[in-house]
């Protein structure tokens, strides 16, 4: 049970809109607040997606060296991609392992490398980080044997991101080694985007250690390369992470500048989830410095974006934010209206734990309103 005494606006903005990008996190926003809460998670960026990895196979397949085993392996890779896009990660991995066995039988290093990337990244999507790390280390070994420097560059960055996501503190050191080696390779081969990606990932390591000033330096260096390399999507991710680093330094004006640039770029690129993240940063930063009207405008825009997406989870977060805001201001009847909407969205999400917590809050809120009559 959570008490219903009012929260300060700053506490509300930092807690509900900042720290909680998970359903339970926002539902628990009424709990006591830590002295220095963190706003929201950084964006972990990997160097490839399934589509770009599949594209890597095509030029090699047109070199006149086709074989029945290779064709069968390629078909399995694409079948695995279909499973992946349907969210059937286990089936995708099993299918790709069949392709991997065929490629290994005929010594197709390109097919082996791409398939290991797919397997490793998908294990990471499932949260199976040890398996992800194993596959990506195998992929790195193949790139080294082939003296494929660009393959090494991106394998090292993918490996480092899996080490960060693994959640063990010691992995930050190993991730830093991987990213630093990737940066050196990128410099040696003149790969601007590789330098930007590696520097941005080194910023993640610094941020993970709480070295926020160092993180800012890394992100700003990364931005220069990402802009020169004409990679606006990478620039967008770095800007959002830069905003988080400035927020952590309590440099709210700089945070607003970084998040504002990220929001503009996300709108241009039509990337609504990056747009939502930039909005969350701006809401928190504006609220922290007392720009309540601007924060409320952004909250309204955030709900509109979530509704346009048809994303119930993001709608839940937005509506829950309004409930917590009005409750913190003592506008309990308006708060109740938003709380009832929040409960309805929790039911659609089929999150019974959160629904129970919210129903408990509604009961207490109704008792408070009845006592005030």
Protein backbone atom coordinates (compact mmCIF):
# COMPACT_ATOMS: atom_id res chain seq x y z
CA UNK A 1 0.00 0.00 0.00
CA UNK A 2 1.34 3.44 -0.88
CA UNK A 3 0.48 6.61 1.03
CA UNK A 4 -1.55 9.26 -0.77
CA UNK A 5 0.24 12.35 0.52
CA UNK A 6 1.17 14.80 -2.28
CA UNK A 7 4.48 14.47 -4.07
CA UNK A 8 6.49 17.49 -5.16
CA UNK A 9 6.44 18.22 -8.87
CA UNK A 10 10.18 17.57 -9.11
CA UNK A 11 9.80 14.19 -7.41
CA UNK A 12 6.95 13.30 -9.75
CA UNK A 13 8.79 14.26 -12.91
CA UNK A 14 11.98 12.52 -11.94
CA UNK A 15 10.29 9.38 -10.72
CA UNK A 16 7.35 8.63 -12.97
CA UNK A 17 8.41 10.21 -16.24
CA UNK A 18 12.10 9.64 -15.78
CA UNK A 19 12.94 6.40 -14.09
CA UNK A 20 10.00 4.38 -15.27
CA UNK A 21 10.05 3.06 -18.78
CA UNK A 22 8.74 -0.25 -17.46
CA UNK A 23 5.17 -0.87 -16.43
CA UNK A 24 5.99 -1.85 -12.87
CA UNK A 25 8.42 1.05 -12.55
CA UNK A 26 5.75 3.62 -13.31
CA UNK A 27 3.21 1.82 -11.15
CA UNK A 28 5.61 2.02 -8.24
CA UNK A 29 6.29 5.72 -8.74
CA UNK A 30 4.50 6.49 -5.48
CA UNK A 31 7.10 4.68 -3.43
CA UNK A 32 9.81 6.67 -1.57
CA UNK A 33 12.25 8.25 -4.01
CA UNK A 34 15.99 7.72 -3.87
CA UNK A 35 18.17 10.78 -3.30
CA UNK A 36 19.52 10.78 -6.86
CA UNK A 37 17.21 8.74 -9.09
CA UNK A 38 18.34 7.86 -12.57
CA UNK A 39 15.99 9.09 -15.29
CA UNK A 40 15.77 6.28 -17.86
CA UNK A 41 17.94 3.64 -19.47
CA UNK A 42 20.55 4.48 -22.07
CA UNK A 43 20.07 3.18 -25.59
CA UNK A 44 22.24 0.15 -26.31
CA UNK A 45 23.15 0.27 -29.99
CA UNK A 46 24.33 -2.68 -32.02
CA UNK A 47 26.04 -2.44 -35.37
CA UNK A 48 23.72 -4.60 -37.48
CA UNK A 49 20.14 -5.77 -37.75
CA UNK A 50 18.86 -8.91 -39.42
CA UNK A 51 18.04 -7.12 -42.65
CA UNK A 52 21.51 -5.64 -43.10
CA UNK A 53 23.13 -8.96 -42.24
CA UNK A 54 21.04 -10.79 -44.84
CA UNK A 55 22.06 -8.18 -47.41
CA UNK A 56 25.71 -9.08 -46.78
CA UNK A 57 25.15 -12.54 -48.27
CA UNK A 58 23.87 -11.39 -51.67
CA UNK A 59 27.07 -10.03 -53.28
CA UNK A 60 28.96 -13.17 -52.30
CA UNK A 61 26.21 -15.40 -53.68
CA UNK A 62 26.53 -13.76 -57.10
CA UNK A 63 30.18 -14.72 -57.57
CA UNK A 64 29.51 -17.95 -59.50
CA UNK A 65 30.35 -20.31 -56.64
CA UNK A 66 26.84 -21.52 -55.82
CA UNK A 67 26.28 -25.07 -54.57
CA UNK A 68 23.23 -27.05 -53.41
CA UNK A 69 24.38 -26.87 -49.77
CA UNK A 70 24.95 -23.13 -50.01
CA UNK A 71 21.55 -22.55 -51.58
CA UNK A 72 19.91 -24.63 -48.87
CA UNK A 73 21.80 -22.71 -46.19
CA UNK A 74 20.72 -19.38 -47.68
CA UNK A 75 17.10 -20.54 -47.72
CA UNK A 76 17.34 -21.51 -44.07
CA UNK A 77 18.85 -18.12 -43.19
CA UNK A 78 15.89 -16.38 -44.77
CA UNK A 79 13.41 -18.76 -43.15
CA UNK A 80 15.02 -17.96 -39.80
CA UNK A 81 14.57 -14.27 -40.53
CA UNK A 82 10.84 -14.85 -41.06
CA UNK A 83 10.65 -16.56 -37.66
CA UNK A 84 12.59 -13.67 -36.10
CA UNK A 85 10.25 -11.04 -37.51
CA UNK A 86 7.31 -12.97 -36.06
CA UNK A 87 8.95 -12.88 -32.63
CA UNK A 88 9.67 -16.62 -32.67
CA UNK A 89 13.28 -16.22 -31.53
CA UNK A 90 13.82 -19.84 -30.50
CA UNK A 91 12.66 -21.12 -33.90
CA UNK A 92 14.83 -18.52 -35.64
CA UNK A 93 17.94 -19.62 -33.74
CA UNK A 94 17.24 -23.31 -34.39
CA UNK A 95 16.81 -22.63 -38.12
CA UNK A 96 19.99 -20.56 -38.30
CA UNK A 97 21.90 -23.34 -36.53
CA UNK A 98 20.85 -25.69 -39.33
CA UNK A 99 22.18 -23.18 -41.84
CA UNK A 100 25.38 -22.81 -39.82
CA UNK A 101 26.00 -26.57 -39.96
CA UNK A 102 25.64 -26.54 -43.75
CA UNK A 103 28.00 -23.60 -44.14
CA UNK A 104 30.55 -25.28 -41.87
CA UNK A 105 30.37 -28.47 -43.95
CA UNK A 106 31.35 -26.59 -47.13
CA UNK A 107 33.70 -24.09 -45.50
CA UNK A 108 31.60 -21.02 -46.38
CA UNK A 109 33.19 -18.44 -44.08
CA UNK A 110 30.90 -15.61 -45.19
CA UNK A 111 27.80 -17.67 -44.45
CA UNK A 112 29.25 -18.82 -41.12
CA UNK A 113 30.03 -15.25 -40.07
CA UNK A 114 26.64 -13.82 -40.97
CA UNK A 115 24.80 -16.71 -39.32
CA UNK A 116 26.80 -16.40 -36.10
CA UNK A 117 25.99 -12.68 -36.04
CA UNK A 118 22.29 -13.47 -36.41
CA UNK A 119 22.39 -16.13 -33.70
CA UNK A 120 24.37 -13.96 -31.29
CA UNK A 121 22.23 -10.86 -31.71
CA UNK A 122 19.03 -12.87 -31.34
CA UNK A 123 20.26 -14.53 -28.16
CA UNK A 124 20.87 -10.99 -26.94
CA UNK A 125 17.30 -10.01 -27.82
CA UNK A 126 16.13 -12.92 -25.67
CA UNK A 127 18.36 -11.88 -22.78
CA UNK A 128 20.51 -15.02 -23.11
CA UNK A 129 23.76 -13.10 -22.85
CA UNK A 130 26.26 -15.95 -22.26
CA UNK A 131 25.03 -17.70 -25.43
CA UNK A 132 25.11 -14.38 -27.28
CA UNK A 133 28.67 -13.74 -26.18
CA UNK A 134 29.80 -17.21 -27.24
CA UNK A 135 28.34 -16.85 -30.75
CA UNK A 136 29.75 -13.36 -31.24
CA UNK A 137 33.22 -14.43 -30.07
CA UNK A 138 33.10 -17.21 -32.66
CA UNK A 139 32.10 -14.67 -35.27
CA UNK A 140 35.01 -12.41 -34.25
CA UNK A 141 37.46 -15.31 -34.54
CA UNK A 142 36.34 -15.98 -38.11
CA UNK A 143 36.71 -12.32 -39.05
CA UNK A 144 40.23 -12.34 -37.63
CA UNK A 145 41.19 -15.50 -39.50
CA UNK A 146 39.94 -13.96 -42.75
CA UNK A 147 41.64 -10.62 -41.98
CA UNK A 148 38.23 -9.06 -42.46
CA UNK A 149 38.84 -5.79 -40.65
CA UNK A 150 35.36 -4.35 -41.11
CA UNK A 151 33.90 -7.65 -39.90
CA UNK A 152 36.15 -7.42 -36.83
CA UNK A 153 35.09 -3.81 -36.22
CA UNK A 154 31.39 -4.61 -36.10
CA UNK A 155 31.81 -7.96 -34.36
CA UNK A 156 33.73 -6.22 -31.57
CA UNK A 157 31.02 -3.59 -31.17
CA UNK A 158 28.27 -6.22 -31.10
CA UNK A 159 30.26 -8.26 -28.59
CA UNK A 160 30.79 -5.22 -26.39
CA UNK A 161 27.09 -4.37 -26.35
CA UNK A 162 26.26 -7.91 -25.24
CA UNK A 163 28.83 -7.65 -22.45
CA UNK A 164 27.22 -4.41 -21.26
CA UNK A 165 23.75 -5.92 -21.34
CA UNK A 166 24.93 -8.98 -19.43
CA UNK A 167 24.58 -6.99 -16.24
CA UNK A 168 27.82 -7.97 -14.46
CA UNK A 169 30.03 -5.06 -13.42
CA UNK A 170 33.25 -6.74 -14.55
CA UNK A 171 31.85 -6.92 -18.06
CA UNK A 172 32.26 -3.16 -18.45
CA UNK A 173 36.03 -3.66 -18.49
CA UNK A 174 35.78 -6.35 -21.17
CA UNK A 175 33.34 -4.23 -23.17
CA UNK A 176 35.72 -1.28 -23.02
CA UNK A 177 38.54 -3.44 -24.40
CA UNK A 178 36.31 -4.57 -27.28
CA UNK A 179 35.11 -1.06 -28.13
CA UNK A 180 38.63 0.38 -27.91
CA UNK A 181 39.98 -2.28 -30.27
CA UNK A 182 37.09 -1.58 -32.63
CA UNK A 183 37.89 2.13 -32.57
CA UNK A 184 41.53 1.44 -33.44
CA UNK A 185 40.52 -0.76 -36.38
CA UNK A 186 38.06 1.89 -37.57
CA UNK A 187 40.79 4.53 -37.47
CA UNK A 188 43.21 2.28 -39.35
CA UNK A 189 40.76 1.57 -42.20
CA UNK A 190 39.25 5.06 -42.27
CA UNK A 191 35.73 3.95 -41.37
CA UNK A 192 34.00 7.11 -40.09
CA UNK A 193 30.83 5.35 -38.98
CA UNK A 194 32.87 2.66 -37.25
CA UNK A 195 34.71 5.35 -35.31
CA UNK A 196 31.45 7.04 -34.37
CA UNK A 197 29.85 3.78 -33.26
CA UNK A 198 32.87 2.72 -31.21
CA UNK A 199 33.19 6.12 -29.49
CA UNK A 200 29.48 6.19 -28.72
CA UNK A 201 29.76 2.72 -27.19
CA UNK A 202 32.76 3.84 -25.14
CA UNK A 203 30.45 6.56 -23.83
CA UNK A 204 28.08 3.82 -22.65
CA UNK A 205 30.92 2.23 -20.69
CA UNK A 206 31.80 5.53 -19.02
CA UNK A 207 28.14 6.14 -18.21
CA UNK A 208 27.80 2.66 -16.78
CA UNK A 209 30.65 3.48 -14.38
CA UNK A 210 29.10 6.77 -13.37
CA UNK A 211 31.85 8.73 -15.16
CA UNK A 212 29.38 11.15 -16.72
CA UNK A 213 31.83 13.88 -17.76
CA UNK A 214 33.88 11.28 -19.62
CA UNK A 215 30.71 9.91 -21.19
CA UNK A 216 29.82 13.40 -22.46
CA UNK A 217 33.26 13.73 -24.04
CA UNK A 218 32.94 10.36 -25.79
CA UNK A 219 29.43 11.09 -27.07
CA UNK A 220 30.43 14.50 -28.41
CA UNK A 221 33.42 12.97 -30.21
CA UNK A 222 31.13 10.30 -31.61
CA UNK A 223 28.70 12.90 -32.93
CA UNK A 224 31.42 14.49 -35.07
CA UNK A 225 32.14 11.18 -36.81
CA UNK A 226 28.48 10.23 -37.16
CA UNK A 227 27.71 13.56 -38.78
CA UNK A 228 30.71 13.28 -41.11
CA UNK A 229 29.78 9.69 -41.90
CA UNK A 230 26.20 10.72 -42.73
CA UNK A 231 24.58 8.35 -40.24
CA UNK A 232 21.58 10.25 -38.84
CA UNK A 233 20.15 7.15 -37.12
CA UNK A 234 23.40 6.66 -35.22
CA UNK A 235 23.54 10.38 -34.47
CA UNK A 236 20.05 10.15 -32.99
CA UNK A 237 21.01 7.36 -30.59
CA UNK A 238 24.12 9.24 -29.50
CA UNK A 239 22.14 12.46 -28.90
CA UNK A 240 19.67 10.66 -26.64
CA UNK A 241 22.51 9.11 -24.65
CA UNK A 242 24.28 12.49 -24.48
CA UNK A 243 21.12 13.99 -23.01
CA UNK A 244 21.09 11.32 -20.32
CA UNK A 245 24.74 11.97 -19.48
CA UNK A 246 24.14 15.72 -19.12
CA UNK A 247 21.05 15.02 -16.98
CA UNK A 248 23.17 12.83 -14.72
CA UNK A 249 25.62 15.74 -14.35
CA UNK A 250 22.61 17.96 -13.42
CA UNK A 251 23.43 20.15 -16.42
CA UNK A 252 19.79 20.46 -17.39
CA UNK A 253 20.13 23.14 -20.06
CA UNK A 254 22.64 21.01 -21.99
CA UNK A 255 20.41 17.98 -21.47
CA UNK A 256 17.49 19.90 -22.96
CA UNK A 257 19.67 20.89 -25.92
CA UNK A 258 20.72 17.30 -26.63
CA UNK A 259 17.24 15.85 -26.18
CA UNK A 260 15.75 18.65 -28.26
CA UNK A 261 18.13 17.90 -31.13
CA UNK A 262 17.29 14.19 -30.76
CA UNK A 263 13.57 14.92 -30.89
CA UNK A 264 13.90 17.01 -34.05
CA UNK A 265 16.00 14.33 -35.72
CA UNK A 266 13.64 11.53 -34.62
CA UNK A 267 10.71 13.41 -36.17
CA UNK A 268 12.66 13.94 -39.40
CA UNK A 269 13.65 10.26 -39.58
CA UNK A 270 10.15 9.14 -38.54
CA UNK A 271 11.47 7.07 -35.64
CA UNK A 272 8.65 7.31 -33.08
CA UNK A 273 10.25 5.25 -30.31
CA UNK A 274 13.38 7.39 -30.35
CA UNK A 275 10.99 10.35 -30.36
CA UNK A 276 9.31 9.02 -27.21
CA UNK A 277 12.63 8.61 -25.50
CA UNK A 278 13.70 12.16 -26.35
CA UNK A 279 10.35 13.41 -25.04
CA UNK A 280 10.85 11.55 -21.77
CA UNK A 281 14.22 13.25 -21.37
CA UNK A 282 12.79 16.67 -22.16
CA UNK A 283 9.84 16.20 -19.80
CA UNK A 284 12.17 15.30 -16.95
CA UNK A 285 14.68 18.07 -17.65
CA UNK A 286 12.09 20.83 -18.16
CA UNK A 287 10.22 19.75 -15.04
CA UNK A 288 13.40 19.70 -12.99
CA UNK A 289 14.13 23.35 -13.80
CA UNK A 290 10.53 24.39 -13.18
CA UNK A 291 9.23 24.68 -16.77
CA UNK A 292 6.01 22.91 -15.89
CA UNK A 293 3.94 24.15 -18.82
CA UNK A 294 6.48 22.89 -21.33
CA UNK A 295 6.68 19.54 -19.54
CA UNK A 296 2.90 19.20 -19.65
CA UNK A 297 2.80 20.06 -23.36
CA UNK A 298 5.35 17.34 -24.01
CA UNK A 299 3.36 14.86 -21.93
CA UNK A 300 0.34 15.53 -24.15
CA UNK A 301 2.44 15.12 -27.30
CA UNK A 302 3.88 11.89 -25.90
CA UNK A 303 0.43 10.41 -25.41
CA UNK A 304 -0.54 11.38 -28.97
CA UNK A 305 2.54 9.64 -30.40
CA UNK A 306 1.80 6.51 -28.36
CA UNK A 307 -1.80 6.50 -29.58
CA UNK A 308 -0.72 6.98 -33.20
CA UNK A 309 1.56 3.97 -32.80
CA UNK A 310 -1.22 1.88 -31.32
CA UNK A 311 1.26 0.89 -28.60
CA UNK A 312 -0.75 0.09 -25.47
CA UNK A 313 2.35 -0.14 -23.29
CA UNK A 314 3.49 3.38 -24.20
CA UNK A 315 -0.07 4.68 -23.78
CA UNK A 316 -0.09 3.14 -20.31
CA UNK A 317 3.07 5.01 -19.38
CA UNK A 318 1.72 8.31 -20.69
CA UNK A 319 -1.68 8.07 -18.99
CA UNK A 320 -0.07 6.89 -15.74
CA UNK A 321 2.14 9.97 -15.90
CA UNK A 322 -0.91 12.24 -16.05
CA UNK A 323 -2.51 10.41 -13.13
CA UNK A 324 0.59 10.82 -10.97
CA UNK A 325 0.94 14.48 -11.91
CA UNK A 326 -2.63 15.43 -11.01
CA UNK A 327 -2.47 13.38 -7.80
CA UNK A 328 0.74 15.19 -6.84
CA UNK A 329 -1.06 18.51 -7.34
CA UNK A 330 -4.00 17.48 -5.17
CA UNK A 331 -6.44 17.45 -8.11
CA UNK A 332 -7.81 14.11 -7.01
CA UNK A 333 -10.95 13.90 -9.15
CA UNK A 334 -8.98 14.52 -12.34
CA UNK A 335 -6.37 12.09 -11.06
CA UNK A 336 -9.04 9.43 -10.54
CA UNK A 337 -10.17 9.77 -14.15
CA UNK A 338 -6.64 9.12 -15.40
CA UNK A 339 -6.15 6.30 -12.89
CA UNK A 340 -9.27 4.55 -14.20
CA UNK A 341 -7.91 4.87 -17.76
CA UNK A 342 -4.57 3.51 -16.56
CA UNK A 343 -6.25 0.47 -15.02
CA UNK A 344 -8.07 -0.21 -18.29
CA UNK A 345 -4.77 -0.17 -20.18
CA UNK A 346 -3.15 -2.47 -17.60
CA UNK A 347 -6.01 -4.91 -18.21
CA UNK A 348 -5.36 -4.81 -21.96
CA UNK A 349 -1.68 -5.49 -21.23
CA UNK A 350 -2.80 -8.43 -19.06
CA UNK A 351 -0.39 -7.34 -16.33
CA UNK A 352 -2.32 -8.56 -13.30
CA UNK A 353 0.37 -7.52 -10.79
CA UNK A 354 0.27 -3.89 -11.91
CA UNK A 355 -3.53 -3.97 -12.22
CA UNK A 356 -3.81 -5.12 -8.60
CA UNK A 357 -1.53 -2.31 -7.40
CA UNK A 358 -3.52 0.27 -9.34
CA UNK A 359 -6.88 -1.03 -8.09
CA UNK A 360 -5.53 -0.72 -4.57
CA UNK A 361 -4.58 2.88 -5.30
CA UNK A 362 -8.04 3.54 -6.73
CA UNK A 363 -9.67 2.18 -3.56
CA UNK A 364 -7.53 4.46 -1.37
CA UNK A 365 -8.17 7.43 -3.63
CA UNK A 366 -11.94 6.87 -3.46
CA UNK A 367 -11.75 6.68 0.34
CA UNK A 368 -9.85 9.95 0.43
CA UNK A 369 -12.38 11.65 -1.84
CA UNK A 370 -15.28 10.32 0.25
CA UNK A 371 -13.68 11.62 3.46
CA UNK A 372 -13.31 15.09 1.92
CA UNK A 373 -17.03 15.48 1.21
